[in-house]
Amino acid sequence: MKYKLIIDKNADEEIIAIVHAPSSLTQRIEELAVVFLQNFKKQP
């Protein structure tokens, strides 16, 4: 497995996961992304 994090203050945030099959890891990534988006939308 490879993991890459690129921090660029000028870029839109994006999550891309290329996987062979869904797993507990992909489920957790999806849950974190959903929570982040919900919280992000609440900010003024």
N, C-alpha and C. Protein backbone atom coordinates (compact mmCIF):
# COMPACT_ATOMS: atom_id res chain seq x y z
N MET A 1 0.85 -1.17 0.00
CA MET A 1 0.00 0.00 0.00
C MET A 1 0.89 1.23 0.00
N LYS A 2 0.47 2.22 -0.73
CA LYS A 2 1.17 3.50 -0.76
C LYS A 2 0.26 4.55 -0.13
N TYR A 3 0.86 5.54 0.47
CA TYR A 3 0.12 6.66 1.05
C TYR A 3 0.84 7.93 0.66
N LYS A 4 0.10 8.88 0.14
CA LYS A 4 0.70 10.15 -0.27
C LYS A 4 -0.18 11.28 0.24
N LEU A 5 0.40 12.24 0.90
CA LEU A 5 -0.31 13.43 1.37
C LEU A 5 0.41 14.63 0.78
N ILE A 6 -0.33 15.42 0.04
CA ILE A 6 0.23 16.63 -0.56
C ILE A 6 -0.52 17.81 0.05
N ILE A 7 0.21 18.70 0.67
CA ILE A 7 -0.40 19.88 1.28
C ILE A 7 -0.11 21.07 0.38
N ASP A 8 -1.19 21.63 -0.15
CA ASP A 8 -1.09 22.79 -1.05
C ASP A 8 -2.22 23.74 -0.66
N LYS A 9 -1.87 24.83 -0.04
CA LYS A 9 -2.89 25.78 0.45
C LYS A 9 -3.69 26.40 -0.68
N ASN A 10 -3.22 26.31 -1.91
CA ASN A 10 -3.92 26.93 -3.04
C ASN A 10 -4.81 25.95 -3.80
N ALA A 11 -4.75 24.68 -3.47
CA ALA A 11 -5.51 23.67 -4.21
C ALA A 11 -6.82 23.33 -3.50
N ASP A 12 -7.81 22.92 -4.27
CA ASP A 12 -9.04 22.40 -3.68
C ASP A 12 -8.70 21.07 -2.99
N GLU A 13 -9.41 20.80 -1.88
CA GLU A 13 -9.16 19.55 -1.17
C GLU A 13 -9.83 18.40 -1.91
N GLU A 14 -9.14 17.28 -1.96
CA GLU A 14 -9.61 16.14 -2.74
C GLU A 14 -9.07 14.86 -2.10
N ILE A 15 -9.90 13.84 -2.08
CA ILE A 15 -9.47 12.53 -1.61
C ILE A 15 -9.65 11.54 -2.74
N ILE A 16 -8.58 10.84 -3.08
CA ILE A 16 -8.64 9.80 -4.11
C ILE A 16 -8.01 8.55 -3.51
N ALA A 17 -8.75 7.46 -3.55
CA ALA A 17 -8.21 6.18 -3.08
C ALA A 17 -8.39 5.17 -4.21
N ILE A 18 -7.30 4.58 -4.64
CA ILE A 18 -7.35 3.54 -5.66
C ILE A 18 -7.10 2.22 -4.93
N VAL A 19 -8.14 1.39 -4.88
CA VAL A 19 -8.08 0.16 -4.09
C VAL A 19 -8.52 -1.04 -4.93
N HIS A 20 -8.15 -2.22 -4.47
CA HIS A 20 -8.55 -3.45 -5.15
C HIS A 20 -9.99 -3.82 -4.79
N ALA A 21 -10.39 -3.50 -3.56
CA ALA A 21 -11.74 -3.85 -3.09
C ALA A 21 -12.05 -2.99 -1.86
N PRO A 22 -13.33 -2.78 -1.58
CA PRO A 22 -13.69 -2.06 -0.36
C PRO A 22 -13.17 -2.80 0.87
N SER A 23 -12.86 -2.04 1.91
CA SER A 23 -12.35 -2.62 3.15
C SER A 23 -12.74 -1.74 4.31
N SER A 24 -12.36 -2.14 5.51
CA SER A 24 -12.63 -1.30 6.67
C SER A 24 -11.89 0.04 6.54
N LEU A 25 -10.73 0.03 5.90
CA LEU A 25 -9.99 1.28 5.69
C LEU A 25 -10.74 2.21 4.74
N THR A 26 -11.23 1.70 3.62
CA THR A 26 -11.95 2.55 2.68
C THR A 26 -13.25 3.06 3.30
N GLN A 27 -13.89 2.23 4.11
CA GLN A 27 -15.12 2.66 4.80
C GLN A 27 -14.81 3.80 5.75
N ARG A 28 -13.72 3.70 6.48
CA ARG A 28 -13.34 4.75 7.44
C ARG A 28 -12.97 6.04 6.72
N ILE A 29 -12.26 5.93 5.62
CA ILE A 29 -11.91 7.13 4.83
C ILE A 29 -13.18 7.83 4.37
N GLU A 30 -14.15 7.05 3.89
CA GLU A 30 -15.41 7.63 3.44
C GLU A 30 -16.15 8.31 4.58
N GLU A 31 -16.18 7.68 5.74
CA GLU A 31 -16.84 8.27 6.91
C GLU A 31 -16.18 9.59 7.31
N LEU A 32 -14.85 9.62 7.33
CA LEU A 32 -14.13 10.84 7.67
C LEU A 32 -14.40 11.96 6.67
N ALA A 33 -14.45 11.62 5.40
CA ALA A 33 -14.72 12.63 4.36
C ALA A 33 -16.12 13.20 4.52
N VAL A 34 -17.10 12.35 4.81
CA VAL A 34 -18.47 12.82 4.99
C VAL A 34 -18.57 13.75 6.19
N VAL A 35 -17.97 13.36 7.31
CA VAL A 35 -18.00 14.20 8.51
C VAL A 35 -17.32 15.54 8.24
N PHE A 36 -16.18 15.50 7.56
CA PHE A 36 -15.48 16.74 7.24
C PHE A 36 -16.35 17.67 6.41
N LEU A 37 -16.99 17.11 5.38
CA LEU A 37 -17.83 17.94 4.51
C LEU A 37 -19.02 18.51 5.27
N GLN A 38 -19.61 17.75 6.16
CA GLN A 38 -20.73 18.25 6.96
C GLN A 38 -20.28 19.39 7.84
N ASN A 39 -19.12 19.26 8.48
CA ASN A 39 -18.61 20.32 9.34
C ASN A 39 -18.16 21.53 8.53
N PHE A 40 -17.59 21.31 7.38
CA PHE A 40 -17.12 22.39 6.52
C PHE A 40 -18.30 23.27 6.08
N LYS A 41 -19.42 22.64 5.75
CA LYS A 41 -20.60 23.39 5.28
C LYS A 41 -21.21 24.22 6.38
N LYS A 42 -21.00 23.86 7.65
CA LYS A 42 -21.57 24.59 8.79
C LYS A 42 -20.82 25.87 9.08
N GLN A 43 -19.57 25.98 8.62
CA GLN A 43 -18.76 27.15 8.92
C GLN A 43 -19.27 28.35 8.13
N PRO A 44 -19.24 29.53 8.78
CA PRO A 44 -19.71 30.75 8.09
C PRO A 44 -18.81 31.18 6.96
